[in-house]
N, C-alpha and C. Protein backbone atom coordinates (compact mmCIF):
# COMPACT_ATOMS: atom_id res chain seq x y z
N MET A 1 -1.83 -0.23 24.48
CA MET A 1 -2.38 -0.77 23.15
C MET A 1 -2.40 0.37 22.10
N ILE A 2 -2.07 -0.05 20.89
CA ILE A 2 -2.10 0.92 19.66
C ILE A 2 -3.44 0.58 18.97
N ASN A 3 -4.12 1.82 18.66
CA ASN A 3 -5.42 1.60 17.85
C ASN A 3 -5.16 2.13 16.54
N ALA A 4 -5.60 1.61 15.50
CA ALA A 4 -5.57 1.88 14.15
C ALA A 4 -6.95 2.47 13.74
N THR A 5 -6.98 3.60 12.97
CA THR A 5 -8.09 4.23 12.50
C THR A 5 -8.13 4.19 10.98
N CYS A 6 -9.45 4.03 10.50
CA CYS A 6 -9.62 4.17 8.99
C CYS A 6 -9.61 5.52 8.52
N VAL A 7 -8.57 5.84 7.77
CA VAL A 7 -8.42 7.30 7.23
C VAL A 7 -9.01 7.39 5.86
N LEU A 8 -9.47 6.32 5.24
CA LEU A 8 -10.04 6.38 3.88
C LEU A 8 -10.90 5.20 3.71
N ASP A 9 -12.15 5.27 3.62
CA ASP A 9 -13.01 4.11 3.41
C ASP A 9 -13.11 3.83 2.00
N ALA A 10 -12.06 3.28 1.42
CA ALA A 10 -11.94 3.27 -0.05
C ALA A 10 -12.80 2.05 -0.76
N LYS A 11 -13.20 1.12 0.05
CA LYS A 11 -13.84 -0.08 -0.49
C LYS A 11 -13.06 -0.73 -1.63
N SER A 12 -11.82 -0.92 -1.36
CA SER A 12 -10.89 -1.58 -2.25
C SER A 12 -11.25 -3.07 -2.31
N LEU A 13 -11.08 -3.63 -3.47
CA LEU A 13 -11.31 -5.09 -3.57
C LEU A 13 -10.00 -5.77 -3.16
N LEU A 14 -8.73 -5.14 -3.58
CA LEU A 14 -7.55 -5.86 -3.20
C LEU A 14 -6.51 -4.63 -3.23
N GLY A 15 -6.56 -3.77 -2.01
CA GLY A 15 -5.57 -2.77 -1.81
C GLY A 15 -4.24 -3.23 -1.48
N GLU A 16 -3.21 -2.69 -2.05
CA GLU A 16 -1.82 -3.17 -2.05
C GLU A 16 -0.80 -2.02 -2.35
N GLY A 17 0.53 -2.41 -2.05
CA GLY A 17 1.62 -1.52 -2.53
C GLY A 17 1.68 -0.09 -2.10
N PRO A 18 1.35 0.24 -0.86
CA PRO A 18 1.51 1.59 -0.52
C PRO A 18 2.86 2.17 -0.59
N LEU A 19 3.16 3.38 -1.07
CA LEU A 19 4.41 4.09 -1.23
C LEU A 19 4.21 5.56 -0.88
N TRP A 20 4.89 6.00 0.24
CA TRP A 20 4.95 7.27 0.63
C TRP A 20 5.90 8.19 -0.23
N ASP A 21 5.36 9.18 -0.84
CA ASP A 21 6.25 10.01 -1.72
C ASP A 21 6.70 11.19 -0.81
N VAL A 22 7.93 11.37 -0.50
CA VAL A 22 8.41 12.44 0.38
C VAL A 22 8.25 13.71 -0.22
N GLY A 23 8.63 13.90 -1.38
CA GLY A 23 8.36 15.28 -2.06
C GLY A 23 6.80 15.72 -2.09
N GLU A 24 6.00 14.87 -2.42
CA GLU A 24 4.48 15.31 -2.57
C GLU A 24 3.88 15.23 -1.17
N GLN A 25 4.43 14.46 -0.27
CA GLN A 25 3.78 14.15 1.04
C GLN A 25 2.34 13.56 0.85
N ARG A 26 2.48 12.57 -0.12
CA ARG A 26 1.15 11.85 -0.41
C ARG A 26 1.59 10.44 -0.50
N LEU A 27 0.51 9.53 -0.29
CA LEU A 27 0.63 8.06 -0.37
C LEU A 27 -0.06 7.56 -1.56
N TYR A 28 0.85 6.87 -2.35
CA TYR A 28 0.36 6.19 -3.54
C TYR A 28 0.02 4.69 -3.27
N TRP A 29 -0.81 4.06 -3.80
CA TRP A 29 -1.25 2.70 -3.42
C TRP A 29 -2.17 2.28 -4.66
N VAL A 30 -2.32 0.85 -4.71
CA VAL A 30 -3.16 0.43 -5.77
C VAL A 30 -4.25 -0.50 -5.26
N ASP A 31 -5.30 -0.55 -6.13
CA ASP A 31 -6.33 -1.64 -5.94
C ASP A 31 -6.18 -2.50 -7.08
N ILE A 32 -5.56 -3.69 -6.75
CA ILE A 32 -5.31 -4.64 -7.88
C ILE A 32 -6.39 -5.00 -8.66
N LYS A 33 -7.51 -5.51 -8.03
CA LYS A 33 -8.61 -6.02 -8.82
C LYS A 33 -9.52 -4.95 -9.40
N ARG A 34 -9.45 -3.88 -8.96
CA ARG A 34 -10.35 -2.64 -9.58
C ARG A 34 -9.47 -1.95 -10.68
N ARG A 35 -8.11 -2.31 -10.67
CA ARG A 35 -7.20 -1.83 -11.78
C ARG A 35 -7.10 -0.33 -11.47
N LEU A 36 -6.89 0.06 -10.21
CA LEU A 36 -6.80 1.54 -9.98
C LEU A 36 -5.51 1.90 -9.21
N ILE A 37 -4.91 3.16 -9.56
CA ILE A 37 -3.81 3.77 -8.92
C ILE A 37 -4.39 4.81 -8.07
N HIS A 38 -4.06 4.71 -6.73
CA HIS A 38 -4.63 5.89 -5.88
C HIS A 38 -3.53 6.78 -5.46
N ARG A 39 -3.82 8.00 -5.33
CA ARG A 39 -2.85 8.98 -4.70
C ARG A 39 -3.65 9.74 -3.55
N SER A 40 -3.35 9.45 -2.36
CA SER A 40 -4.08 10.03 -1.12
C SER A 40 -3.24 11.07 -0.51
N ASP A 41 -4.04 12.10 -0.32
CA ASP A 41 -3.30 13.24 0.54
C ASP A 41 -3.99 13.46 1.93
N PRO A 42 -3.12 12.98 3.01
CA PRO A 42 -3.66 12.91 4.28
C PRO A 42 -3.99 14.38 4.89
N ALA A 43 -3.23 15.37 4.33
CA ALA A 43 -3.57 16.64 4.67
C ALA A 43 -4.87 17.19 4.38
N THR A 44 -5.47 16.76 3.17
CA THR A 44 -6.64 17.24 2.64
C THR A 44 -7.81 16.23 2.63
N GLY A 45 -7.30 14.93 2.82
CA GLY A 45 -8.36 13.86 2.66
C GLY A 45 -8.75 13.49 1.23
N GLU A 46 -8.06 14.23 0.28
CA GLU A 46 -8.26 13.87 -1.27
C GLU A 46 -7.71 12.58 -1.51
N ASP A 47 -8.52 11.82 -2.36
CA ASP A 47 -7.94 10.49 -2.92
C ASP A 47 -8.26 10.55 -4.38
N ARG A 48 -7.17 10.60 -5.31
CA ARG A 48 -7.38 10.62 -6.59
C ARG A 48 -7.01 9.30 -7.22
N THR A 49 -7.78 8.95 -8.22
CA THR A 49 -7.47 7.59 -8.84
C THR A 49 -7.23 7.67 -10.33
N TRP A 50 -6.44 6.76 -10.86
CA TRP A 50 -6.27 6.48 -12.32
C TRP A 50 -6.42 5.07 -12.63
N SER A 51 -6.97 4.70 -13.75
CA SER A 51 -7.31 3.35 -14.17
C SER A 51 -6.02 2.80 -14.88
N THR A 52 -5.89 1.52 -14.80
CA THR A 52 -4.88 0.79 -15.63
C THR A 52 -5.65 -0.20 -16.42
N PRO A 53 -5.00 -0.70 -17.67
CA PRO A 53 -5.66 -1.68 -18.50
C PRO A 53 -5.71 -3.12 -18.00
N GLU A 54 -4.93 -3.39 -16.96
CA GLU A 54 -4.87 -4.76 -16.41
C GLU A 54 -4.54 -4.72 -14.84
N ASP A 55 -4.64 -5.69 -14.33
CA ASP A 55 -4.37 -5.93 -12.86
C ASP A 55 -2.98 -5.26 -12.58
N ILE A 56 -2.88 -4.41 -11.47
CA ILE A 56 -1.66 -3.86 -11.05
C ILE A 56 -1.28 -4.24 -9.70
N GLY A 57 0.05 -4.58 -9.56
CA GLY A 57 0.57 -5.13 -8.25
C GLY A 57 1.17 -4.17 -7.35
N SER A 58 1.93 -3.25 -7.95
CA SER A 58 2.73 -2.34 -7.21
C SER A 58 3.26 -1.16 -8.13
N LEU A 59 3.92 -0.21 -7.49
CA LEU A 59 4.33 0.95 -8.33
C LEU A 59 5.60 1.61 -7.64
N ALA A 60 6.35 2.45 -8.40
CA ALA A 60 7.42 3.23 -7.76
C ALA A 60 7.20 4.70 -8.41
N VAL A 61 7.61 5.75 -7.77
CA VAL A 61 7.46 7.05 -8.34
C VAL A 61 8.86 7.28 -9.08
N ARG A 62 8.79 7.77 -10.23
CA ARG A 62 9.94 8.02 -11.02
C ARG A 62 10.45 9.42 -10.83
N GLU A 63 11.76 9.55 -10.70
CA GLU A 63 12.48 10.82 -10.53
C GLU A 63 12.17 11.71 -11.66
N GLN A 64 12.02 11.21 -12.81
CA GLN A 64 11.76 11.97 -14.01
C GLN A 64 10.28 12.33 -14.21
N GLY A 65 9.38 11.90 -13.28
CA GLY A 65 8.04 12.31 -13.36
C GLY A 65 7.25 10.98 -13.74
N GLY A 66 6.04 10.75 -13.34
CA GLY A 66 5.25 9.57 -13.52
C GLY A 66 5.63 8.43 -12.63
N LEU A 67 5.22 7.32 -13.04
CA LEU A 67 5.34 6.13 -12.31
C LEU A 67 5.96 4.95 -12.98
N LEU A 68 6.53 3.96 -12.28
CA LEU A 68 6.80 2.79 -12.92
C LEU A 68 5.80 1.76 -12.27
N VAL A 69 5.08 1.11 -13.11
CA VAL A 69 3.92 0.16 -12.43
C VAL A 69 4.20 -1.18 -12.86
N ALA A 70 3.86 -2.15 -11.92
CA ALA A 70 4.00 -3.56 -12.19
C ALA A 70 2.53 -4.10 -12.58
N LEU A 71 2.27 -4.31 -13.77
CA LEU A 71 1.15 -4.84 -14.28
C LEU A 71 1.21 -6.23 -14.55
N LYS A 72 0.12 -7.06 -14.88
CA LYS A 72 0.11 -8.41 -15.01
C LYS A 72 1.01 -8.86 -16.13
N SER A 73 1.15 -8.00 -17.10
CA SER A 73 2.05 -8.32 -18.28
C SER A 73 3.50 -7.95 -18.01
N GLY A 74 3.75 -7.26 -17.00
CA GLY A 74 5.23 -6.78 -16.83
C GLY A 74 5.21 -5.40 -16.18
N PHE A 75 6.46 -4.93 -16.20
CA PHE A 75 6.73 -3.43 -15.64
C PHE A 75 6.74 -2.42 -16.81
N HIS A 76 5.97 -1.21 -16.55
CA HIS A 76 5.75 -0.31 -17.44
C HIS A 76 5.84 1.14 -16.92
N PHE A 77 6.15 2.02 -17.76
CA PHE A 77 6.11 3.48 -17.25
C PHE A 77 4.54 3.96 -17.47
N TYR A 78 4.28 4.73 -16.45
CA TYR A 78 2.77 5.27 -16.38
C TYR A 78 2.88 6.82 -16.39
N ASN A 79 2.29 7.51 -17.31
CA ASN A 79 2.19 8.91 -17.25
C ASN A 79 0.83 9.30 -16.46
N LEU A 80 1.02 10.17 -15.36
CA LEU A 80 -0.26 10.58 -14.54
C LEU A 80 -0.87 11.72 -15.41
N GLU A 81 -0.21 12.42 -16.40
CA GLU A 81 -0.88 13.58 -17.15
C GLU A 81 -1.89 12.88 -18.11
N THR A 82 -1.60 11.96 -18.69
CA THR A 82 -2.30 11.39 -19.75
C THR A 82 -2.87 10.04 -19.38
N GLY A 83 -2.40 9.28 -18.36
CA GLY A 83 -2.96 7.95 -17.94
C GLY A 83 -2.52 6.92 -18.96
N ARG A 84 -1.38 7.34 -19.79
CA ARG A 84 -0.82 6.44 -20.72
C ARG A 84 0.35 5.53 -20.26
N ILE A 85 0.35 4.23 -20.77
CA ILE A 85 1.65 3.45 -20.34
C ILE A 85 2.43 3.47 -21.64
N HIS A 86 3.76 3.78 -21.48
CA HIS A 86 4.64 3.70 -22.53
C HIS A 86 5.95 2.93 -22.27
N ASN A 87 6.72 2.70 -23.27
CA ASN A 87 7.97 1.97 -23.17
C ASN A 87 7.73 0.59 -22.63
N ARG A 88 6.74 -0.09 -23.10
CA ARG A 88 6.38 -1.46 -22.60
C ARG A 88 7.52 -2.41 -22.73
N ARG A 89 7.89 -3.01 -21.65
CA ARG A 89 8.83 -4.05 -21.59
C ARG A 89 8.79 -4.90 -20.39
N VAL A 90 9.22 -6.12 -20.45
CA VAL A 90 9.15 -6.85 -19.19
C VAL A 90 10.41 -6.63 -18.52
N PHE A 91 10.35 -6.25 -17.31
CA PHE A 91 11.41 -5.97 -16.34
C PHE A 91 11.77 -7.24 -15.56
N ILE A 92 10.69 -7.82 -14.98
CA ILE A 92 10.76 -8.97 -14.13
C ILE A 92 9.41 -9.69 -13.97
N GLU A 93 9.41 -10.91 -13.74
CA GLU A 93 8.20 -11.57 -13.57
C GLU A 93 8.21 -12.13 -12.17
N VAL A 94 6.92 -11.91 -11.43
CA VAL A 94 6.67 -12.25 -10.13
C VAL A 94 5.34 -12.94 -9.97
N SER A 95 5.40 -14.06 -9.46
CA SER A 95 4.06 -14.77 -9.40
C SER A 95 3.21 -14.27 -8.17
N ARG A 96 3.84 -13.83 -7.08
CA ARG A 96 3.09 -13.38 -5.92
C ARG A 96 3.96 -12.64 -4.90
N SER A 97 3.42 -11.53 -4.37
CA SER A 97 4.36 -10.88 -3.42
C SER A 97 3.44 -10.59 -2.07
N ASP A 98 4.27 -10.36 -0.88
CA ASP A 98 3.69 -10.01 0.30
C ASP A 98 3.88 -8.63 0.66
N GLY A 99 2.99 -7.95 1.36
CA GLY A 99 3.17 -6.62 1.73
C GLY A 99 3.88 -6.33 2.87
N ALA A 100 5.10 -5.66 2.92
CA ALA A 100 5.95 -5.53 4.02
C ALA A 100 6.66 -4.04 3.87
N THR A 101 7.18 -3.56 4.94
CA THR A 101 8.08 -2.43 4.95
C THR A 101 9.11 -2.52 5.98
N VAL A 102 10.15 -1.75 5.97
CA VAL A 102 11.12 -1.84 7.09
C VAL A 102 11.18 -0.52 7.85
N ASP A 103 11.38 -0.51 9.12
CA ASP A 103 11.46 0.66 9.91
C ASP A 103 12.90 1.10 10.09
N SER A 104 13.18 2.24 10.79
CA SER A 104 14.56 2.77 10.97
C SER A 104 15.40 1.99 11.76
N GLU A 105 14.77 0.92 12.52
CA GLU A 105 15.59 0.05 13.41
C GLU A 105 15.98 -1.29 12.79
N GLY A 106 15.57 -1.35 11.41
CA GLY A 106 15.72 -2.62 10.72
C GLY A 106 14.77 -3.79 10.99
N PHE A 107 13.59 -3.45 11.65
CA PHE A 107 12.67 -4.49 11.87
C PHE A 107 11.64 -4.37 10.60
N VAL A 108 10.96 -5.58 10.35
CA VAL A 108 10.19 -5.74 9.26
C VAL A 108 8.71 -5.67 9.77
N TRP A 109 7.84 -4.93 9.08
CA TRP A 109 6.35 -4.86 9.37
C TRP A 109 5.70 -5.57 8.13
N LEU A 110 5.00 -6.67 8.61
CA LEU A 110 4.37 -7.50 7.55
C LEU A 110 2.72 -7.58 7.83
N ALA A 111 1.92 -7.29 6.73
CA ALA A 111 0.70 -7.47 6.76
C ALA A 111 0.20 -8.80 6.66
N LEU A 112 -0.57 -9.35 7.50
CA LEU A 112 -0.99 -10.85 7.51
C LEU A 112 -2.31 -11.02 6.82
N TRP A 113 -2.30 -11.38 5.55
CA TRP A 113 -3.48 -11.72 4.84
C TRP A 113 -4.33 -12.68 5.59
N ASP A 114 -5.65 -12.47 5.85
CA ASP A 114 -6.62 -13.32 6.61
C ASP A 114 -6.05 -13.35 8.06
N GLY A 115 -5.23 -12.39 8.58
CA GLY A 115 -4.70 -12.57 9.91
C GLY A 115 -5.09 -11.36 10.79
N TRP A 116 -5.91 -10.41 10.31
CA TRP A 116 -6.49 -9.32 11.13
C TRP A 116 -5.43 -8.37 11.75
N ARG A 117 -4.06 -8.51 11.34
CA ARG A 117 -3.10 -7.57 12.00
C ARG A 117 -1.94 -7.31 11.12
N VAL A 118 -1.12 -6.36 11.50
CA VAL A 118 0.26 -6.13 11.01
C VAL A 118 1.15 -6.46 12.07
N VAL A 119 2.35 -7.13 11.78
CA VAL A 119 3.20 -7.81 12.74
C VAL A 119 4.61 -7.18 12.47
N ARG A 120 5.29 -6.84 13.59
CA ARG A 120 6.62 -6.26 13.47
C ARG A 120 7.57 -7.45 13.81
N TYR A 121 8.52 -7.81 12.97
CA TYR A 121 9.49 -8.84 13.30
C TYR A 121 10.92 -8.14 13.39
N ASP A 122 11.65 -8.69 14.31
CA ASP A 122 12.99 -8.14 14.56
C ASP A 122 13.82 -8.87 13.44
N PRO A 123 15.14 -8.47 13.36
CA PRO A 123 16.01 -9.00 12.30
C PRO A 123 16.27 -10.46 12.33
N ALA A 124 15.93 -11.18 13.45
CA ALA A 124 16.13 -12.53 13.61
C ALA A 124 14.76 -13.38 13.27
N GLY A 125 13.70 -12.54 12.94
CA GLY A 125 12.44 -13.18 12.52
C GLY A 125 11.50 -13.41 13.77
N ILE A 126 11.86 -12.72 14.84
CA ILE A 126 10.99 -13.02 16.12
C ILE A 126 10.02 -11.91 16.22
N VAL A 127 8.74 -12.21 16.38
CA VAL A 127 7.62 -11.19 16.60
C VAL A 127 8.02 -10.25 17.67
N HIS A 128 8.08 -9.02 17.36
CA HIS A 128 8.39 -7.96 18.38
C HIS A 128 7.09 -7.20 18.74
N GLN A 129 6.11 -7.04 17.89
CA GLN A 129 4.94 -6.26 18.08
C GLN A 129 3.83 -6.73 17.16
N SER A 130 2.66 -6.58 17.49
CA SER A 130 1.43 -6.95 16.84
C SER A 130 0.38 -5.92 16.93
N VAL A 131 -0.19 -5.32 15.78
CA VAL A 131 -1.19 -4.42 15.74
C VAL A 131 -2.42 -5.03 15.18
N LYS A 132 -3.59 -5.25 15.94
CA LYS A 132 -4.74 -5.70 15.50
C LYS A 132 -5.52 -4.66 14.70
N LEU A 133 -6.19 -5.15 13.69
CA LEU A 133 -7.00 -4.27 12.83
C LEU A 133 -8.38 -4.81 12.74
N PRO A 134 -9.34 -3.92 12.42
CA PRO A 134 -10.77 -4.24 12.37
C PRO A 134 -11.11 -5.02 11.06
N ILE A 135 -10.19 -5.44 10.42
CA ILE A 135 -10.39 -6.08 9.02
C ILE A 135 -9.60 -7.35 8.95
N ARG A 136 -10.02 -8.34 8.22
CA ARG A 136 -9.50 -9.72 8.08
C ARG A 136 -8.23 -9.59 7.05
N ARG A 137 -8.38 -8.72 6.13
CA ARG A 137 -7.40 -8.86 5.12
C ARG A 137 -6.53 -7.65 4.80
N PRO A 138 -5.60 -7.30 5.81
CA PRO A 138 -4.71 -6.31 5.58
C PRO A 138 -3.71 -6.72 4.45
N THR A 139 -3.34 -5.72 3.59
CA THR A 139 -2.40 -6.13 2.40
C THR A 139 -1.08 -5.64 2.49
N CYS A 140 -0.76 -4.44 2.80
CA CYS A 140 0.52 -3.69 2.83
C CYS A 140 0.65 -2.59 3.63
N PRO A 141 1.72 -2.62 4.60
CA PRO A 141 1.97 -1.35 5.33
C PRO A 141 3.03 -0.55 4.64
N MET A 142 2.99 0.80 4.94
CA MET A 142 4.01 1.78 4.55
C MET A 142 4.12 2.92 5.30
N PHE A 143 5.25 3.34 5.65
CA PHE A 143 5.48 4.53 6.53
C PHE A 143 5.30 5.81 5.67
N GLY A 144 4.68 6.83 6.38
CA GLY A 144 4.39 8.11 5.82
C GLY A 144 4.42 9.14 6.90
N GLY A 145 3.98 10.32 6.54
CA GLY A 145 3.99 11.52 7.44
C GLY A 145 5.25 12.25 7.24
N SER A 146 5.40 13.41 7.69
CA SER A 146 6.45 14.36 7.60
C SER A 146 7.75 13.75 8.15
N SER A 147 7.61 12.93 9.25
CA SER A 147 8.75 12.25 9.94
C SER A 147 8.77 10.83 9.94
N PHE A 148 7.96 10.28 8.96
CA PHE A 148 7.73 8.81 8.80
C PHE A 148 7.28 8.21 10.05
N GLU A 149 6.41 8.84 10.78
CA GLU A 149 5.86 8.36 12.10
C GLU A 149 4.61 7.69 12.01
N ILE A 150 3.89 7.60 10.85
CA ILE A 150 2.63 6.85 10.60
C ILE A 150 2.84 5.73 9.68
N ILE A 151 2.14 4.64 10.11
CA ILE A 151 2.16 3.48 9.06
C ILE A 151 0.74 3.53 8.55
N TYR A 152 0.76 3.50 7.19
CA TYR A 152 -0.61 3.35 6.54
C TYR A 152 -0.61 1.88 5.99
N VAL A 153 -1.94 1.39 6.09
CA VAL A 153 -2.11 0.00 5.84
C VAL A 153 -3.30 -0.10 4.79
N THR A 154 -3.01 -0.65 3.60
CA THR A 154 -4.11 -0.94 2.62
C THR A 154 -4.69 -2.24 3.06
N SER A 155 -5.95 -2.61 2.55
CA SER A 155 -6.69 -3.68 2.78
C SER A 155 -7.57 -4.17 1.72
N ALA A 156 -8.10 -5.42 1.79
CA ALA A 156 -9.02 -5.92 0.72
C ALA A 156 -10.38 -6.37 1.27
N SER A 157 -11.35 -6.31 0.35
CA SER A 157 -12.63 -6.83 0.61
C SER A 157 -12.82 -7.96 -0.35
N PHE A 158 -11.88 -8.14 -1.27
CA PHE A 158 -11.99 -9.25 -2.21
C PHE A 158 -12.20 -10.61 -1.63
N GLY A 159 -13.12 -11.35 -2.09
CA GLY A 159 -13.35 -12.67 -1.65
C GLY A 159 -14.11 -12.87 -0.33
N LEU A 160 -14.48 -11.72 0.27
CA LEU A 160 -15.38 -11.80 1.51
C LEU A 160 -16.77 -12.16 1.11
N SER A 161 -17.44 -12.96 1.92
CA SER A 161 -18.88 -13.11 1.83
C SER A 161 -19.77 -12.00 2.25
N ASP A 162 -20.98 -11.98 1.92
CA ASP A 162 -21.84 -10.76 2.32
C ASP A 162 -21.79 -10.63 3.77
N GLN A 163 -21.91 -11.71 4.52
CA GLN A 163 -21.92 -11.76 5.95
C GLN A 163 -20.56 -11.22 6.45
N GLU A 164 -19.38 -11.66 5.92
CA GLU A 164 -18.04 -11.04 6.34
C GLU A 164 -18.18 -9.53 6.08
N LEU A 165 -18.64 -9.16 4.94
CA LEU A 165 -18.58 -7.80 4.72
C LEU A 165 -19.41 -6.84 5.79
N LYS A 166 -20.51 -7.60 6.22
CA LYS A 166 -21.42 -6.87 7.23
C LYS A 166 -20.60 -6.78 8.54
N GLU A 167 -19.90 -7.81 8.90
CA GLU A 167 -19.06 -7.89 10.05
C GLU A 167 -17.83 -6.92 9.98
N GLN A 168 -17.34 -6.68 8.72
CA GLN A 168 -16.26 -5.94 8.49
C GLN A 168 -16.56 -4.60 7.60
N PRO A 169 -17.27 -3.77 7.90
CA PRO A 169 -17.79 -2.72 6.97
C PRO A 169 -16.67 -1.87 6.43
N LEU A 170 -15.48 -1.84 7.06
CA LEU A 170 -14.37 -1.06 6.67
C LEU A 170 -13.37 -1.84 5.83
N ALA A 171 -13.71 -3.08 5.53
CA ALA A 171 -12.79 -3.97 4.70
C ALA A 171 -12.60 -3.15 3.37
N GLY A 172 -11.35 -3.17 2.85
CA GLY A 172 -10.98 -2.34 1.61
C GLY A 172 -10.46 -1.01 1.94
N GLY A 173 -10.55 -0.55 3.14
CA GLY A 173 -10.19 0.83 3.58
C GLY A 173 -8.76 0.94 3.70
N LEU A 174 -8.39 2.19 3.93
CA LEU A 174 -6.98 2.55 4.19
C LEU A 174 -6.90 2.91 5.70
N PHE A 175 -6.04 2.30 6.41
CA PHE A 175 -5.75 2.42 7.84
C PHE A 175 -4.55 3.11 8.22
N ALA A 176 -4.47 3.68 9.37
CA ALA A 176 -3.22 4.40 9.78
C ALA A 176 -3.02 4.10 11.26
N PHE A 177 -1.78 3.97 11.72
CA PHE A 177 -1.52 4.15 13.21
C PHE A 177 -0.12 4.60 13.41
N GLU A 178 0.09 5.10 14.59
CA GLU A 178 1.47 5.54 15.00
C GLU A 178 2.18 4.38 15.78
N PRO A 179 3.21 3.78 15.18
CA PRO A 179 3.81 2.60 15.84
C PRO A 179 4.79 2.86 16.91
N GLY A 180 5.22 4.16 17.13
CA GLY A 180 6.23 4.47 18.12
C GLY A 180 7.70 4.32 17.58
N VAL A 181 7.74 4.04 16.37
CA VAL A 181 9.10 3.96 15.62
C VAL A 181 8.99 4.62 14.32
N SER A 182 9.96 5.26 13.71
CA SER A 182 9.82 5.89 12.40
C SER A 182 10.28 4.81 11.28
N GLY A 183 9.78 5.28 10.10
CA GLY A 183 10.18 4.42 9.01
C GLY A 183 11.33 5.19 8.19
N LEU A 184 11.49 4.70 6.91
CA LEU A 184 12.56 5.22 6.14
C LEU A 184 11.97 5.71 4.84
N PRO A 185 12.46 6.66 4.22
CA PRO A 185 11.96 7.19 2.83
C PRO A 185 12.24 6.25 1.85
N GLU A 186 11.24 6.09 0.95
CA GLU A 186 11.30 5.22 -0.21
C GLU A 186 12.07 5.97 -1.29
N MET A 187 13.00 5.28 -1.98
CA MET A 187 13.81 5.89 -3.07
C MET A 187 12.97 5.97 -4.30
N ARG A 188 13.24 6.99 -5.12
CA ARG A 188 12.64 7.08 -6.46
C ARG A 188 13.37 6.35 -7.46
N PHE A 189 12.58 5.73 -8.29
CA PHE A 189 13.15 4.95 -9.52
C PHE A 189 13.88 5.96 -10.38
N LYS A 190 15.09 5.73 -10.74
CA LYS A 190 15.86 6.59 -11.60
C LYS A 190 15.59 6.47 -13.02
N GLY A 191 14.90 5.57 -13.44
CA GLY A 191 14.61 5.44 -14.95
C GLY A 191 13.62 6.28 -15.54
């Protein structure tokens, strides 16, 4: 049995979009409802945040520095020195997305909202593995670590009742586990 541990009790309302940056060896992710960008350093435990002016769904690290962020109004460049969004333009409109990542064997890892787990599906869509989590609302998995041997999973506390929050004190936390298979590096946005 694989056990996941909470590596950051972030108390996110809606944690999503984890992205491992190979160069920095840090994990970027967002809290959609708190309108925050997180940059977590597993080596030190530091978690730095930046605010956004509206709900943020996902991000990509830019090769030229900074981030490309998907806000409610569209895709924008985000400068981490200044916290400013520039070159505003709509790149694509998406009504809703699900959190998933792909491993080096071509299997898909999917966080099941209200499902208490992350599930690994083979290329034919058949469940190959399931990792139970101590929280109801996992939101997105992402491989990280020096050899992409760790899966980080964001989660949400958004919409949970007071009783559910008592039963799930780590809801909104960042979780990690070693799945026994490696992931792939994310490409940097070239724009």
